[in-house]
Amino acid sequence: MKLATMMIVATAAASLFTVPKTLALGEGTKPRLAVMEFRAQPGDKLPTNCAIVLQDILISGIKSKAMGQCEISAPRDTSTGQASGRRSRGAGGTPRMIARQLGADYILTGSIRTVLSSDGDPIGHRRGRRRAGAGGRAGSGQQIIAVLIAARLVNTRTGSVAWEGQQRSEPITINGMGGMDSATFQKYAEPVAGVLIAMLLPQVK
């Protein structure tokens, strides 16, 4: 009886000092999803930190709706601890290379840009001028635009695209020639991200 008790105690003690096994890609019980920063259209009317803002919105939304369905990770700027999509500090390369760096089974990536609310033409890519009040113009010194977010879910185990889609925000009135601020972008991007999340989550399995 004493011998059996001593063996049980020794086994329990040994387990405390056992180094956990590092899981290989796809070996965990839950799929792991890496949310990357989406690429912003150069010269657009988006805030400079729109990629980080959207990344945070997506991470928060996925955590809320996934209900423990998957594990979520994101590349971080090691100098600040903040999310960063710059290739010099974040993960770069093919989906398989990124997957090994982040330990991800799926990668969510995409792009952000603004479009004229009336016809979808990109801001800054239209030739000529429109008269005030017509096609994307709310009046003198104003523009009516929308945020267009395109998303792509890549299965890193196969290298194939598991899902892709895009969604446009409600119309946004911009005053003057400047762009929108971060608070405005977040307000209009959150509902768009919610729709995209609802469409992509069933593919994470």
N, C-alpha and C. Protein backbone atom coordinates (compact mmCIF):
# COMPACT_ATOMS: atom_id res chain seq x y z
N MET A 1 0.83 -1.20 0.00
CA MET A 1 0.00 0.00 0.00
C MET A 1 0.88 1.26 0.00
N LYS A 2 1.94 1.26 0.87
CA LYS A 2 2.83 2.39 0.93
C LYS A 2 3.58 2.58 -0.39
N LEU A 3 3.97 1.45 -1.02
CA LEU A 3 4.69 1.51 -2.28
C LEU A 3 3.83 2.13 -3.36
N ALA A 4 2.56 1.72 -3.43
CA ALA A 4 1.64 2.27 -4.45
C ALA A 4 1.45 3.76 -4.24
N THR A 5 1.33 4.18 -2.99
CA THR A 5 1.14 5.61 -2.68
C THR A 5 2.36 6.41 -3.09
N MET A 6 3.55 5.85 -2.82
CA MET A 6 4.79 6.55 -3.17
C MET A 6 4.92 6.70 -4.68
N MET A 7 4.48 5.69 -5.46
CA MET A 7 4.57 5.75 -6.91
C MET A 7 3.64 6.82 -7.46
N ILE A 8 2.44 6.92 -6.87
CA ILE A 8 1.48 7.93 -7.32
C ILE A 8 2.02 9.33 -7.07
N VAL A 9 2.59 9.54 -5.87
CA VAL A 9 3.16 10.84 -5.53
C VAL A 9 4.32 11.19 -6.45
N ALA A 10 5.17 10.21 -6.75
CA ALA A 10 6.33 10.45 -7.62
C ALA A 10 5.89 10.81 -9.02
N THR A 11 4.85 10.12 -9.52
CA THR A 11 4.34 10.40 -10.87
C THR A 11 3.77 11.81 -10.94
N ALA A 12 3.01 12.20 -9.91
CA ALA A 12 2.42 13.54 -9.87
C ALA A 12 3.49 14.61 -9.83
N ALA A 13 4.54 14.37 -9.05
CA ALA A 13 5.63 15.34 -8.93
C ALA A 13 6.38 15.48 -10.24
N ALA A 14 6.58 14.36 -10.93
CA ALA A 14 7.30 14.40 -12.21
C ALA A 14 6.52 15.20 -13.24
N SER A 15 5.18 15.09 -13.19
CA SER A 15 4.35 15.79 -14.18
C SER A 15 4.45 17.29 -14.03
N LEU A 16 4.75 17.77 -12.82
CA LEU A 16 4.87 19.20 -12.58
C LEU A 16 6.08 19.79 -13.29
N PHE A 17 7.09 18.97 -13.53
CA PHE A 17 8.32 19.45 -14.14
C PHE A 17 8.46 19.02 -15.60
N THR A 18 7.39 18.46 -16.15
CA THR A 18 7.42 18.04 -17.55
C THR A 18 7.17 19.23 -18.44
N VAL A 19 8.01 19.46 -19.42
CA VAL A 19 7.83 20.56 -20.37
C VAL A 19 6.72 20.20 -21.33
N PRO A 20 5.66 21.06 -21.47
CA PRO A 20 4.56 20.75 -22.38
C PRO A 20 5.05 20.58 -23.80
N LYS A 21 4.44 19.67 -24.52
CA LYS A 21 4.80 19.43 -25.92
C LYS A 21 4.32 20.59 -26.78
N THR A 22 5.17 21.06 -27.67
CA THR A 22 4.78 22.12 -28.59
C THR A 22 3.94 21.52 -29.71
N LEU A 23 2.74 22.08 -29.90
CA LEU A 23 1.84 21.54 -30.90
C LEU A 23 2.33 21.88 -32.30
N ALA A 24 2.24 20.94 -33.18
CA ALA A 24 2.56 21.18 -34.58
C ALA A 24 1.37 21.86 -35.23
N LEU A 25 1.59 22.41 -36.42
CA LEU A 25 0.54 23.10 -37.15
C LEU A 25 -0.66 22.18 -37.34
N GLY A 26 -1.85 22.66 -36.90
CA GLY A 26 -3.07 21.90 -37.10
C GLY A 26 -3.27 20.78 -36.11
N GLU A 27 -2.40 20.67 -35.09
CA GLU A 27 -2.47 19.54 -34.18
C GLU A 27 -3.39 19.81 -33.00
N GLY A 28 -3.73 21.09 -32.74
CA GLY A 28 -4.57 21.45 -31.61
C GLY A 28 -6.00 20.99 -31.81
N THR A 29 -6.78 21.03 -30.74
CA THR A 29 -8.17 20.61 -30.81
C THR A 29 -9.03 21.66 -31.50
N LYS A 30 -8.58 22.92 -31.48
CA LYS A 30 -9.33 24.00 -32.12
C LYS A 30 -8.49 24.60 -33.25
N PRO A 31 -9.13 24.97 -34.37
CA PRO A 31 -8.38 25.63 -35.43
C PRO A 31 -7.89 27.00 -34.96
N ARG A 32 -6.72 27.40 -35.45
CA ARG A 32 -6.14 28.67 -35.06
C ARG A 32 -6.20 29.65 -36.23
N LEU A 33 -6.76 30.82 -35.96
CA LEU A 33 -6.97 31.84 -36.98
C LEU A 33 -6.09 33.05 -36.71
N ALA A 34 -5.28 33.43 -37.70
CA ALA A 34 -4.43 34.62 -37.59
C ALA A 34 -5.10 35.76 -38.35
N VAL A 35 -5.38 36.85 -37.65
CA VAL A 35 -6.02 38.02 -38.26
C VAL A 35 -4.93 39.03 -38.62
N MET A 36 -4.69 39.22 -39.90
CA MET A 36 -3.65 40.13 -40.36
C MET A 36 -4.21 41.54 -40.49
N GLU A 37 -3.32 42.53 -40.60
CA GLU A 37 -3.77 43.88 -40.92
C GLU A 37 -4.15 43.91 -42.40
N PHE A 38 -5.31 44.51 -42.70
CA PHE A 38 -5.75 44.62 -44.08
C PHE A 38 -4.99 45.75 -44.77
N ARG A 39 -4.74 45.58 -46.05
CA ARG A 39 -4.01 46.58 -46.83
C ARG A 39 -4.93 47.77 -47.15
N ALA A 40 -4.48 48.98 -46.87
CA ALA A 40 -5.25 50.18 -47.16
C ALA A 40 -4.85 50.75 -48.51
N GLN A 41 -5.82 51.32 -49.23
CA GLN A 41 -5.57 51.90 -50.54
C GLN A 41 -4.69 53.14 -50.39
N PRO A 42 -3.52 53.20 -51.04
CA PRO A 42 -2.64 54.38 -50.92
C PRO A 42 -3.35 55.65 -51.39
N GLY A 43 -3.16 56.75 -50.66
CA GLY A 43 -3.72 58.03 -51.07
C GLY A 43 -5.22 58.13 -50.87
N ASP A 44 -5.80 57.21 -50.12
CA ASP A 44 -7.24 57.21 -49.90
C ASP A 44 -7.59 58.17 -48.77
N LYS A 45 -8.90 58.30 -48.50
CA LYS A 45 -9.36 59.20 -47.45
C LYS A 45 -9.53 58.49 -46.12
N LEU A 46 -8.83 57.40 -45.93
CA LEU A 46 -8.89 56.62 -44.70
C LEU A 46 -7.92 57.18 -43.66
N PRO A 47 -8.20 57.01 -42.37
CA PRO A 47 -7.23 57.42 -41.34
C PRO A 47 -5.97 56.56 -41.44
N THR A 48 -4.84 57.09 -41.03
CA THR A 48 -3.57 56.39 -41.19
C THR A 48 -3.52 55.09 -40.39
N ASN A 49 -4.28 55.01 -39.31
CA ASN A 49 -4.26 53.80 -38.47
C ASN A 49 -5.44 52.88 -38.73
N CYS A 50 -6.08 53.02 -39.91
CA CYS A 50 -7.29 52.25 -40.20
C CYS A 50 -7.04 50.74 -40.17
N ALA A 51 -5.85 50.31 -40.59
CA ALA A 51 -5.56 48.87 -40.61
C ALA A 51 -5.54 48.29 -39.20
N ILE A 52 -4.94 49.02 -38.26
CA ILE A 52 -4.90 48.56 -36.88
C ILE A 52 -6.28 48.59 -36.26
N VAL A 53 -7.04 49.66 -36.54
CA VAL A 53 -8.40 49.78 -36.00
C VAL A 53 -9.26 48.62 -36.48
N LEU A 54 -9.19 48.31 -37.79
CA LEU A 54 -9.99 47.21 -38.32
C LEU A 54 -9.53 45.87 -37.76
N GLN A 55 -8.23 45.68 -37.60
CA GLN A 55 -7.73 44.43 -37.04
C GLN A 55 -8.31 44.20 -35.64
N ASP A 56 -8.32 45.25 -34.83
CA ASP A 56 -8.88 45.15 -33.48
C ASP A 56 -10.37 44.86 -33.51
N ILE A 57 -11.08 45.50 -34.45
CA ILE A 57 -12.53 45.26 -34.60
C ILE A 57 -12.78 43.80 -34.96
N LEU A 58 -12.00 43.27 -35.89
CA LEU A 58 -12.18 41.89 -36.34
C LEU A 58 -11.87 40.90 -35.21
N ILE A 59 -10.77 41.13 -34.51
CA ILE A 59 -10.40 40.22 -33.41
C ILE A 59 -11.49 40.20 -32.34
N SER A 60 -11.96 41.39 -31.96
CA SER A 60 -13.00 41.49 -30.94
C SER A 60 -14.29 40.82 -31.41
N GLY A 61 -14.66 41.08 -32.66
CA GLY A 61 -15.90 40.51 -33.20
C GLY A 61 -15.85 39.00 -33.33
N ILE A 62 -14.71 38.48 -33.78
CA ILE A 62 -14.56 37.03 -33.93
C ILE A 62 -14.61 36.35 -32.57
N LYS A 63 -13.92 36.93 -31.59
CA LYS A 63 -13.94 36.35 -30.24
C LYS A 63 -15.36 36.32 -29.69
N SER A 64 -16.13 37.36 -29.98
CA SER A 64 -17.49 37.45 -29.47
C SER A 64 -18.43 36.44 -30.13
N LYS A 65 -18.28 36.27 -31.45
CA LYS A 65 -19.21 35.42 -32.19
C LYS A 65 -18.75 33.96 -32.29
N ALA A 66 -17.45 33.73 -32.16
CA ALA A 66 -16.94 32.36 -32.32
C ALA A 66 -17.31 31.46 -31.16
N MET A 67 -17.50 32.04 -29.98
CA MET A 67 -17.88 31.28 -28.78
C MET A 67 -16.92 30.11 -28.54
N GLY A 68 -15.62 30.40 -28.62
CA GLY A 68 -14.63 29.37 -28.37
C GLY A 68 -14.41 28.40 -29.51
N GLN A 69 -14.96 28.71 -30.70
CA GLN A 69 -14.83 27.83 -31.86
C GLN A 69 -13.39 27.73 -32.35
N CYS A 70 -12.63 28.82 -32.19
CA CYS A 70 -11.25 28.83 -32.68
C CYS A 70 -10.39 29.69 -31.78
N GLU A 71 -9.07 29.51 -31.93
CA GLU A 71 -8.10 30.34 -31.23
C GLU A 71 -7.66 31.44 -32.19
N ILE A 72 -7.45 32.63 -31.66
CA ILE A 72 -7.15 33.78 -32.51
C ILE A 72 -5.78 34.36 -32.16
N SER A 73 -5.02 34.71 -33.19
CA SER A 73 -3.74 35.36 -32.99
C SER A 73 -3.60 36.48 -34.01
N ALA A 74 -2.63 37.36 -33.78
CA ALA A 74 -2.37 38.45 -34.71
C ALA A 74 -0.91 38.85 -34.61
N PRO A 75 -0.29 39.22 -35.73
CA PRO A 75 1.10 39.67 -35.67
C PRO A 75 1.19 40.95 -34.88
N ARG A 76 2.22 41.09 -34.06
CA ARG A 76 2.39 42.27 -33.22
C ARG A 76 3.72 42.94 -33.48
N ASP A 77 3.72 44.25 -33.37
CA ASP A 77 4.96 45.03 -33.46
C ASP A 77 5.72 44.80 -32.16
N THR A 78 6.85 44.14 -32.22
CA THR A 78 7.59 43.78 -31.01
C THR A 78 8.14 45.00 -30.27
N SER A 79 8.24 46.12 -30.95
CA SER A 79 8.79 47.31 -30.29
C SER A 79 7.73 48.06 -29.48
N THR A 80 6.46 47.91 -29.86
CA THR A 80 5.40 48.64 -29.17
C THR A 80 4.36 47.74 -28.55
N GLY A 81 4.29 46.47 -29.01
CA GLY A 81 3.25 45.57 -28.53
C GLY A 81 1.93 45.77 -29.24
N GLN A 82 1.92 46.68 -30.23
CA GLN A 82 0.69 46.95 -30.97
C GLN A 82 0.67 46.13 -32.25
N ALA A 83 -0.54 45.94 -32.79
CA ALA A 83 -0.67 45.20 -34.04
C ALA A 83 0.06 45.94 -35.15
N SER A 84 0.72 45.19 -36.00
CA SER A 84 1.45 45.80 -37.10
C SER A 84 1.44 44.89 -38.31
N GLY A 85 1.09 45.45 -39.47
CA GLY A 85 1.07 44.68 -40.69
C GLY A 85 2.26 44.97 -41.58
N ARG A 86 3.16 45.84 -41.13
CA ARG A 86 4.34 46.13 -41.94
C ARG A 86 5.21 44.90 -42.03
N ARG A 87 5.60 44.55 -43.23
CA ARG A 87 6.32 43.29 -43.45
C ARG A 87 7.65 43.25 -42.70
N SER A 88 8.23 44.42 -42.43
CA SER A 88 9.52 44.43 -41.74
C SER A 88 9.38 44.00 -40.30
N ARG A 89 8.17 44.12 -39.72
CA ARG A 89 7.99 43.77 -38.32
C ARG A 89 6.97 42.66 -38.13
N GLY A 90 6.07 42.49 -39.11
CA GLY A 90 5.07 41.45 -38.98
C GLY A 90 5.51 40.20 -39.70
N ALA A 91 4.56 39.27 -39.86
CA ALA A 91 4.87 38.05 -40.57
C ALA A 91 4.74 38.28 -42.06
N GLY A 92 5.67 37.77 -42.84
CA GLY A 92 5.61 37.95 -44.28
C GLY A 92 5.90 36.65 -44.99
N GLY A 93 5.57 36.62 -46.30
CA GLY A 93 5.83 35.44 -47.10
C GLY A 93 4.55 34.77 -47.54
N THR A 94 4.67 33.52 -47.96
CA THR A 94 3.52 32.75 -48.43
C THR A 94 2.63 32.38 -47.24
N PRO A 95 1.37 31.98 -47.52
CA PRO A 95 0.48 31.56 -46.42
C PRO A 95 1.10 30.48 -45.54
N ARG A 96 1.81 29.53 -46.15
CA ARG A 96 2.41 28.46 -45.35
C ARG A 96 3.53 28.99 -44.45
N MET A 97 4.32 29.95 -44.97
CA MET A 97 5.39 30.55 -44.16
C MET A 97 4.80 31.33 -43.00
N ILE A 98 3.76 32.12 -43.29
CA ILE A 98 3.10 32.90 -42.24
C ILE A 98 2.49 31.97 -41.21
N ALA A 99 1.90 30.88 -41.69
CA ALA A 99 1.27 29.91 -40.78
C ALA A 99 2.27 29.34 -39.80
N ARG A 100 3.46 29.03 -40.28
CA ARG A 100 4.48 28.46 -39.39
C ARG A 100 4.98 29.50 -38.39
N GLN A 101 5.07 30.77 -38.83
CA GLN A 101 5.52 31.82 -37.93
C GLN A 101 4.50 32.10 -36.83
N LEU A 102 3.21 32.03 -37.20
CA LEU A 102 2.15 32.38 -36.25
C LEU A 102 1.44 31.16 -35.67
N GLY A 103 1.76 29.96 -36.18
CA GLY A 103 1.08 28.77 -35.70
C GLY A 103 -0.38 28.77 -36.05
N ALA A 104 -0.72 29.17 -37.28
CA ALA A 104 -2.12 29.34 -37.68
C ALA A 104 -2.56 28.30 -38.70
N ASP A 105 -3.82 27.87 -38.58
CA ASP A 105 -4.44 26.99 -39.57
C ASP A 105 -5.14 27.80 -40.66
N TYR A 106 -5.56 29.01 -40.30
CA TYR A 106 -6.22 29.91 -41.24
C TYR A 106 -5.64 31.31 -41.08
N ILE A 107 -5.61 32.04 -42.20
CA ILE A 107 -5.17 33.43 -42.19
C ILE A 107 -6.27 34.29 -42.79
N LEU A 108 -6.64 35.35 -42.07
CA LEU A 108 -7.63 36.30 -42.58
C LEU A 108 -6.91 37.56 -43.01
N THR A 109 -7.02 37.91 -44.27
CA THR A 109 -6.37 39.09 -44.81
C THR A 109 -7.34 39.81 -45.74
N GLY A 110 -6.94 40.97 -46.26
CA GLY A 110 -7.85 41.68 -47.16
C GLY A 110 -7.39 43.10 -47.41
N SER A 111 -8.34 43.95 -47.82
CA SER A 111 -8.03 45.33 -48.16
C SER A 111 -9.15 46.26 -47.72
N ILE A 112 -8.80 47.53 -47.58
CA ILE A 112 -9.77 48.57 -47.21
C ILE A 112 -9.61 49.73 -48.19
N ARG A 113 -10.73 50.28 -48.66
CA ARG A 113 -10.66 51.48 -49.49
C ARG A 113 -11.99 52.22 -49.40
N THR A 114 -11.98 53.46 -49.84
CA THR A 114 -13.22 54.23 -49.89
C THR A 114 -13.71 54.28 -51.33
N VAL A 115 -15.02 54.33 -51.48
CA VAL A 115 -15.64 54.43 -52.80
C VAL A 115 -16.69 55.52 -52.76
N LEU A 116 -16.99 56.09 -53.91
CA LEU A 116 -18.09 57.04 -53.99
C LEU A 116 -19.38 56.30 -53.74
N SER A 117 -20.21 56.84 -52.90
CA SER A 117 -21.42 56.14 -52.47
C SER A 117 -22.36 55.84 -53.61
N SER A 118 -22.38 56.69 -54.64
CA SER A 118 -23.37 56.54 -55.70
C SER A 118 -23.07 55.40 -56.67
N ASP A 119 -21.79 55.27 -57.08
CA ASP A 119 -21.50 54.30 -58.13
C ASP A 119 -20.31 53.39 -57.85
N GLY A 120 -19.66 53.58 -56.71
CA GLY A 120 -18.59 52.66 -56.35
C GLY A 120 -17.24 52.96 -56.95
N ASP A 121 -17.08 54.09 -57.66
CA ASP A 121 -15.77 54.42 -58.21
C ASP A 121 -14.83 54.85 -57.09
N PRO A 122 -13.58 54.38 -57.12
CA PRO A 122 -12.64 54.73 -56.05
C PRO A 122 -12.39 56.23 -55.98
N ILE A 123 -12.30 56.74 -54.76
CA ILE A 123 -11.94 58.14 -54.58
C ILE A 123 -10.54 58.37 -55.15
N GLY A 124 -10.39 59.48 -55.88
CA GLY A 124 -9.07 59.81 -56.42
C GLY A 124 -8.75 59.12 -57.73
N HIS A 125 -9.69 58.31 -58.26
CA HIS A 125 -9.44 57.62 -59.52
C HIS A 125 -10.44 58.03 -60.60
N ARG A 126 -11.15 59.13 -60.37
CA ARG A 126 -12.14 59.60 -61.34
C ARG A 126 -11.54 60.73 -62.17
N ARG A 127 -11.77 60.66 -63.46
CA ARG A 127 -11.30 61.72 -64.34
C ARG A 127 -12.37 62.81 -64.45
N GLY A 128 -11.90 64.05 -64.45
CA GLY A 128 -12.84 65.15 -64.58
C GLY A 128 -13.53 65.46 -63.26
N ARG A 129 -14.45 66.39 -63.31
CA ARG A 129 -15.16 66.81 -62.10
C ARG A 129 -16.66 66.62 -62.28
N ARG A 130 -17.32 66.35 -61.18
CA ARG A 130 -18.77 66.26 -61.17
C ARG A 130 -19.34 67.56 -60.63
N ARG A 131 -20.51 67.90 -61.11
CA ARG A 131 -21.15 69.10 -60.58
C ARG A 131 -21.64 68.83 -59.17
N ALA A 132 -21.74 69.87 -58.37
CA ALA A 132 -22.13 69.73 -56.97
C ALA A 132 -23.48 69.06 -56.85
N GLY A 133 -23.58 68.14 -55.92
CA GLY A 133 -24.85 67.48 -55.66
C GLY A 133 -25.09 66.25 -56.50
N ALA A 134 -24.19 65.91 -57.42
CA ALA A 134 -24.41 64.76 -58.30
C ALA A 134 -23.37 63.70 -58.03
N GLY A 135 -23.81 62.43 -57.99
CA GLY A 135 -22.91 61.27 -57.93
C GLY A 135 -21.82 61.35 -56.90
N GLY A 136 -22.15 61.17 -55.63
CA GLY A 136 -21.12 61.15 -54.60
C GLY A 136 -20.85 62.51 -54.00
N ARG A 137 -21.60 63.54 -54.42
CA ARG A 137 -21.41 64.88 -53.86
C ARG A 137 -22.64 65.25 -53.04
N ALA A 138 -22.43 65.65 -51.78
CA ALA A 138 -23.54 66.06 -50.94
C ALA A 138 -23.81 67.54 -51.09
N GLY A 139 -22.89 68.29 -51.62
CA GLY A 139 -23.03 69.73 -51.74
C GLY A 139 -21.66 70.35 -51.82
N SER A 140 -21.61 71.66 -51.76
CA SER A 140 -20.34 72.37 -51.87
C SER A 140 -19.39 71.96 -50.75
N GLY A 141 -18.20 71.47 -51.12
CA GLY A 141 -17.20 71.09 -50.13
C GLY A 141 -17.47 69.79 -49.43
N GLN A 142 -18.43 69.00 -49.90
CA GLN A 142 -18.75 67.73 -49.25
C GLN A 142 -18.73 66.58 -50.25
N GLN A 143 -18.44 65.40 -49.75
CA GLN A 143 -18.50 64.18 -50.55
C GLN A 143 -19.23 63.10 -49.76
N ILE A 144 -19.99 62.28 -50.46
CA ILE A 144 -20.62 61.13 -49.83
C ILE A 144 -19.87 59.89 -50.28
N ILE A 145 -19.22 59.23 -49.34
CA ILE A 145 -18.41 58.06 -49.66
C ILE A 145 -18.84 56.88 -48.82
N ALA A 146 -18.23 55.74 -49.04
CA ALA A 146 -18.47 54.55 -48.23
C ALA A 146 -17.15 53.80 -48.07
N VAL A 147 -17.05 53.03 -47.00
CA VAL A 147 -15.87 52.19 -46.78
C VAL A 147 -16.15 50.81 -47.35
N LEU A 148 -15.28 50.34 -48.22
CA LEU A 148 -15.42 49.01 -48.81
C LEU A 148 -14.32 48.10 -48.25
N ILE A 149 -14.73 47.03 -47.58
CA ILE A 149 -13.78 46.08 -46.99
C ILE A 149 -13.89 44.75 -47.72
N ALA A 150 -12.78 44.29 -48.27
CA ALA A 150 -12.72 42.98 -48.93
C ALA A 150 -11.89 42.05 -48.06
N ALA A 151 -12.40 40.85 -47.81
CA ALA A 151 -11.72 39.90 -46.92
C ALA A 151 -11.49 38.57 -47.62
N ARG A 152 -10.42 37.91 -47.22
CA ARG A 152 -10.08 36.59 -47.78
C ARG A 152 -9.58 35.68 -46.66
N LEU A 153 -10.16 34.49 -46.58
CA LEU A 153 -9.76 33.50 -45.58
C LEU A 153 -8.98 32.40 -46.29
N VAL A 154 -7.72 32.21 -45.90
CA VAL A 154 -6.85 31.22 -46.53
C VAL A 154 -6.64 30.04 -45.59
N ASN A 155 -6.87 28.85 -46.09
CA ASN A 155 -6.58 27.62 -45.35
C ASN A 155 -5.10 27.31 -45.54
N THR A 156 -4.31 27.50 -44.50
CA THR A 156 -2.86 27.34 -44.64
C THR A 156 -2.44 25.87 -44.76
N ARG A 157 -3.31 24.95 -44.39
CA ARG A 157 -2.97 23.53 -44.50
C ARG A 157 -3.01 23.07 -45.94
N THR A 158 -3.87 23.72 -46.75
CA THR A 158 -3.98 23.35 -48.16
C THR A 158 -3.46 24.44 -49.09
N GLY A 159 -3.35 25.68 -48.56
CA GLY A 159 -2.92 26.80 -49.38
C GLY A 159 -4.03 27.37 -50.23
N SER A 160 -5.26 26.89 -50.06
CA SER A 160 -6.39 27.34 -50.87
C SER A 160 -7.20 28.41 -50.15
N VAL A 161 -7.99 29.15 -50.92
CA VAL A 161 -8.87 30.17 -50.36
C VAL A 161 -10.15 29.48 -49.88
N ALA A 162 -10.39 29.54 -48.57
CA ALA A 162 -11.57 28.89 -48.00
C ALA A 162 -12.83 29.73 -48.19
N TRP A 163 -12.64 31.05 -48.22
CA TRP A 163 -13.78 31.96 -48.39
C TRP A 163 -13.25 33.34 -48.72
N GLU A 164 -14.03 34.11 -49.49
CA GLU A 164 -13.72 35.51 -49.72
C GLU A 164 -15.00 36.28 -50.00
N GLY A 165 -15.00 37.53 -49.62
CA GLY A 165 -16.18 38.35 -49.82
C GLY A 165 -15.86 39.81 -49.53
N GLN A 166 -16.81 40.68 -49.85
CA GLN A 166 -16.63 42.10 -49.56
C GLN A 166 -17.94 42.72 -49.15
N GLN A 167 -17.85 43.83 -48.43
CA GLN A 167 -19.03 44.48 -47.92
C GLN A 167 -18.78 45.98 -47.85
N ARG A 168 -19.83 46.76 -48.15
CA ARG A 168 -19.72 48.22 -48.16
C ARG A 168 -20.48 48.82 -46.98
N SER A 169 -19.95 49.91 -46.44
CA SER A 169 -20.59 50.56 -45.30
C SER A 169 -21.76 51.42 -45.74
N GLU A 170 -22.45 51.97 -44.77
CA GLU A 170 -23.47 52.97 -45.02
C GLU A 170 -22.79 54.24 -45.54
N PRO A 171 -23.51 55.10 -46.25
CA PRO A 171 -22.90 56.34 -46.78
C PRO A 171 -22.34 57.23 -45.67
N ILE A 172 -21.19 57.84 -45.95
CA ILE A 172 -20.52 58.73 -45.01
C ILE A 172 -20.32 60.08 -45.69
N THR A 173 -20.72 61.15 -45.02
CA THR A 173 -20.51 62.50 -45.56
C THR A 173 -19.20 63.06 -45.04
N ILE A 174 -18.32 63.39 -45.97
CA ILE A 174 -17.02 63.95 -45.63
C ILE A 174 -17.00 65.43 -45.97
N ASN A 175 -16.62 66.25 -45.00
CA ASN A 175 -16.55 67.69 -45.22
C ASN A 175 -15.17 68.08 -45.72
N GLY A 176 -15.14 68.97 -46.69
CA GLY A 176 -13.87 69.47 -47.19
C GLY A 176 -13.11 68.42 -47.98
N MET A 177 -11.83 68.66 -48.19
CA MET A 177 -11.00 67.78 -48.99
C MET A 177 -10.24 66.77 -48.12
N GLY A 178 -10.42 66.85 -46.81
CA GLY A 178 -9.71 65.93 -45.93
C GLY A 178 -10.38 64.56 -45.89
N GLY A 179 -9.79 63.66 -45.09
CA GLY A 179 -10.34 62.32 -44.95
C GLY A 179 -11.11 62.18 -43.65
N MET A 180 -11.50 60.95 -43.34
CA MET A 180 -12.25 60.70 -42.11
C MET A 180 -11.28 60.42 -40.96
N ASP A 181 -11.78 60.67 -39.74
CA ASP A 181 -10.95 60.38 -38.58
C ASP A 181 -11.17 58.94 -38.12
N SER A 182 -10.39 58.51 -37.12
CA SER A 182 -10.43 57.13 -36.67
C SER A 182 -11.80 56.75 -36.08
N ALA A 183 -12.39 57.69 -35.32
CA ALA A 183 -13.69 57.40 -34.70
C ALA A 183 -14.77 57.18 -35.75
N THR A 184 -14.75 57.98 -36.81
CA THR A 184 -15.73 57.82 -37.88
C THR A 184 -15.51 56.50 -38.61
N PHE A 185 -14.25 56.20 -38.88
CA PHE A 185 -13.95 54.93 -39.56
C PHE A 185 -14.43 53.75 -38.73
N GLN A 186 -14.15 53.76 -37.44
CA GLN A 186 -14.57 52.66 -36.58
C GLN A 186 -16.09 52.52 -36.55
N LYS A 187 -16.79 53.64 -36.47
CA LYS A 187 -18.25 53.63 -36.41
C LYS A 187 -18.85 52.92 -37.62
N TYR A 188 -18.30 53.20 -38.82
CA TYR A 188 -18.86 52.64 -40.04
C TYR A 188 -18.26 51.27 -40.40
N ALA A 189 -17.06 51.01 -39.90
CA ALA A 189 -16.41 49.73 -40.21
C ALA A 189 -16.94 48.58 -39.36
N GLU A 190 -17.38 48.86 -38.14
CA GLU A 190 -17.83 47.80 -37.24
C GLU A 190 -19.00 46.99 -37.81
N PRO A 191 -20.07 47.62 -38.33
CA PRO A 191 -21.17 46.81 -38.91
C PRO A 191 -20.72 46.00 -40.12
N VAL A 192 -19.82 46.56 -40.91
CA VAL A 192 -19.30 45.85 -42.09
C VAL A 192 -18.52 44.62 -41.65
N ALA A 193 -17.66 44.79 -40.65
CA ALA A 193 -16.88 43.67 -40.14
C ALA A 193 -17.79 42.59 -39.57
N GLY A 194 -18.88 43.00 -38.91
CA GLY A 194 -19.82 42.03 -38.35
C GLY A 194 -20.44 41.13 -39.40
N VAL A 195 -20.78 41.71 -40.54
CA VAL A 195 -21.35 40.92 -41.64
C VAL A 195 -20.32 39.94 -42.19
N LEU A 196 -19.09 40.43 -42.39
CA LEU A 196 -18.03 39.57 -42.92
C LEU A 196 -17.70 38.42 -41.97
N ILE A 197 -17.66 38.72 -40.68
CA ILE A 197 -17.37 37.69 -39.68
C ILE A 197 -18.43 36.59 -39.71
N ALA A 198 -19.69 36.99 -39.81
CA ALA A 198 -20.78 36.01 -39.85
C ALA A 198 -20.67 35.08 -41.06
N MET A 199 -20.11 35.59 -42.15
CA MET A 199 -19.97 34.78 -43.36
C MET A 199 -18.74 33.87 -43.32
N LEU A 200 -17.66 34.34 -42.68
CA LEU A 200 -16.41 33.56 -42.74
C LEU A 200 -16.30 32.50 -41.64
N LEU A 201 -16.90 32.75 -40.49
CA LEU A 201 -16.72 31.82 -39.36
C LEU A 201 -17.14 30.37 -39.66
N PRO A 202 -18.24 30.14 -40.40
CA PRO A 202 -18.60 28.75 -40.69
C PRO A 202 -17.52 27.99 -41.47
N GLN A 203 -16.60 28.72 -42.11
CA GLN A 203 -15.55 28.07 -42.89
C GLN A 203 -14.33 27.72 -42.05
N VAL A 204 -14.27 28.21 -40.81
CA VAL A 204 -13.15 27.92 -39.92
C VAL A 204 -13.50 26.66 -39.13
N LYS A 205 -12.92 25.54 -39.56
CA LYS A 205 -13.27 24.25 -38.93
C LYS A 205 -12.12 23.27 -39.05
